[in-house]
Amino acid sequence: MAKSPVSPASPSAVSALPATYEAALQELEGLVSGLESGQLPLDQLLSGYQRGAQLLAFCKGKLEAVETQINVLEGTELKPWA
């Protein structure tokens, strides 16, 4: 039987986040493709959706951190960099 584009991951692999925004975005794009294909069984759809939610939160956090740093650079906020 052929493997589907999104294979179920072990619980420890699902909770591990990528090291970079770009890696998370790439994984998220792959998940979306798999979910939109309509070819995945229900359990893989659910695990893919959960992983996608994790990745989306990770990417959102990274973007918010960059936005804060840009505001500091532009002088609209007086906060030390963390």
Protein backbone atom coordinates (compact mmCIF):
# COMPACT_ATOMS: atom_id res chain seq x y z
CA MET A 1 0.00 0.00 0.00
CA ALA A 2 1.40 3.45 -0.92
CA LYS A 3 2.20 5.89 1.84
CA SER A 4 0.21 9.09 2.07
CA PRO A 5 1.98 12.50 2.03
CA VAL A 6 1.45 12.94 5.76
CA SER A 7 2.48 9.96 7.85
CA PRO A 8 1.55 9.65 11.49
CA ALA A 9 4.36 10.68 13.77
CA SER A 10 5.26 9.40 17.17
CA PRO A 11 3.96 11.49 20.10
CA SER A 12 7.45 12.80 20.90
CA ALA A 13 8.01 13.91 17.30
CA VAL A 14 4.64 15.66 17.15
CA SER A 15 5.43 17.86 20.17
CA ALA A 16 8.91 18.87 18.95
CA LEU A 17 8.89 22.22 17.18
CA PRO A 18 11.20 23.14 14.31
CA ALA A 19 14.24 25.27 15.05
CA THR A 20 13.30 28.05 12.65
CA TYR A 21 10.28 29.92 11.35
CA GLU A 22 11.10 28.81 7.82
CA ALA A 23 11.20 25.13 8.79
CA ALA A 24 7.89 25.44 10.63
CA LEU A 25 6.30 27.20 7.66
CA GLN A 26 7.55 24.52 5.27
CA GLU A 27 6.15 21.75 7.46
CA LEU A 28 2.87 23.63 7.82
CA GLU A 29 2.56 24.00 4.04
CA GLY A 30 3.12 20.26 3.65
CA LEU A 31 0.46 19.51 6.23
CA VAL A 32 -2.04 21.80 4.54
CA SER A 33 -1.43 20.07 1.20
CA GLY A 34 -2.03 16.70 2.81
CA LEU A 35 -5.16 17.85 4.59
CA GLU A 36 -6.57 19.46 1.46
CA SER A 37 -5.92 16.36 -0.64
CA GLY A 38 -8.87 14.57 0.92
CA GLN A 39 -6.90 11.31 0.77
CA LEU A 40 -6.05 10.92 4.48
CA PRO A 41 -7.85 8.71 6.98
CA LEU A 42 -9.68 10.43 9.81
CA ASP A 43 -7.02 9.75 12.47
CA GLN A 44 -4.31 11.30 10.27
CA LEU A 45 -6.56 14.28 9.56
CA LEU A 46 -6.95 14.90 13.27
CA SER A 47 -3.26 14.52 14.07
CA GLY A 48 -2.36 16.71 11.08
CA TYR A 49 -4.77 19.39 12.23
CA GLN A 50 -3.33 19.30 15.77
CA ARG A 51 0.23 19.54 14.47
CA GLY A 52 -0.80 22.39 12.18
CA ALA A 53 -2.25 24.28 15.15
CA GLN A 54 1.07 23.85 17.01
CA LEU A 55 3.07 25.07 14.03
CA LEU A 56 0.74 28.01 13.47
CA ALA A 57 1.13 29.12 17.09
CA PHE A 58 4.92 28.77 16.79
CA CYS A 59 5.01 30.88 13.60
CA LYS A 60 2.71 33.50 15.10
CA GLY A 61 4.97 33.80 18.15
CA LYS A 62 8.06 34.21 15.97
CA LEU A 63 6.36 36.91 13.88
CA GLU A 64 5.22 38.78 16.99
CA ALA A 65 8.78 38.69 18.37
CA VAL A 66 10.15 40.13 15.12
CA GLU A 67 7.45 42.81 15.11
CA THR A 68 8.45 43.82 18.64
CA GLN A 69 12.10 44.04 17.62
CA ILE A 70 11.21 46.18 14.60
CA ASN A 71 9.23 48.52 16.85
CA VAL A 72 12.26 48.86 19.10
CA LEU A 73 14.49 49.63 16.12
CA GLU A 74 12.07 52.23 14.82
CA GLY A 75 11.96 53.88 18.22
CA THR A 76 8.24 53.35 18.80
CA GLU A 77 8.95 51.28 21.91
CA LEU A 78 11.60 51.68 24.57
CA LYS A 79 12.18 48.05 25.54
CA PRO A 80 15.46 46.22 25.92
CA TRP A 81 15.98 43.29 23.60
CA ALA A 82 15.54 39.91 25.21
